[in-house]
C-alpha cells in the first residue's frame, strides 16, 4: 500500500520539515513553529514513522479508500542560488469519500537544496486558504 510514498520520502533531506501553519493567521509563509502553534510541524523522523504505520498491518486503512485528486499549477521559482531553490505552487486537493467531497485549497512553498546533480526537499510548507478545517482525517498524508 502507498508504494510511491517511499519514493517521496527518498526525496527528503535528513533534516527535512513538513509544515502546515495555522489557518486564518496572516503571514503563513513566514510564521515560525517556534512561536506559533502549527496544524502540522513534522520532521523527517515523524514523517518516516507515519509511513511505517501506513505500511504496517496495524495502520488505519479506509474501507473503501478515499479517492484523492491533486491539481497543481502556477509553479514559480521565487529564489535560486548555487545551493537552493525556493519554489511556490498553487494547489487544489479533492478528497472524495462516501459521496462527501472535501476540498483543500492553498499554496505550497518548497525549499529544495542541491544534492549531487539533483535536488532534495528540505522544507515543504502548506499554506491553506480555507477558513475552517472540517471532515479531515490525516491531512498530513494527503497534502
Foldseek 3Di string as FASTA:
>chain_A
DPVCVVVLLVQADQFAWEFEADPPDPPLVPDDVVPGPTPDIDTSVVSVVLVVLCPDPNHDADVVHWDKDKDKDPWDFPDDDPFKTKIKIWIWMWTDDPNDIDIWTFMWIFIWTDDPPDTGTRYIYTYTNDRDDPPDDPVVVRD
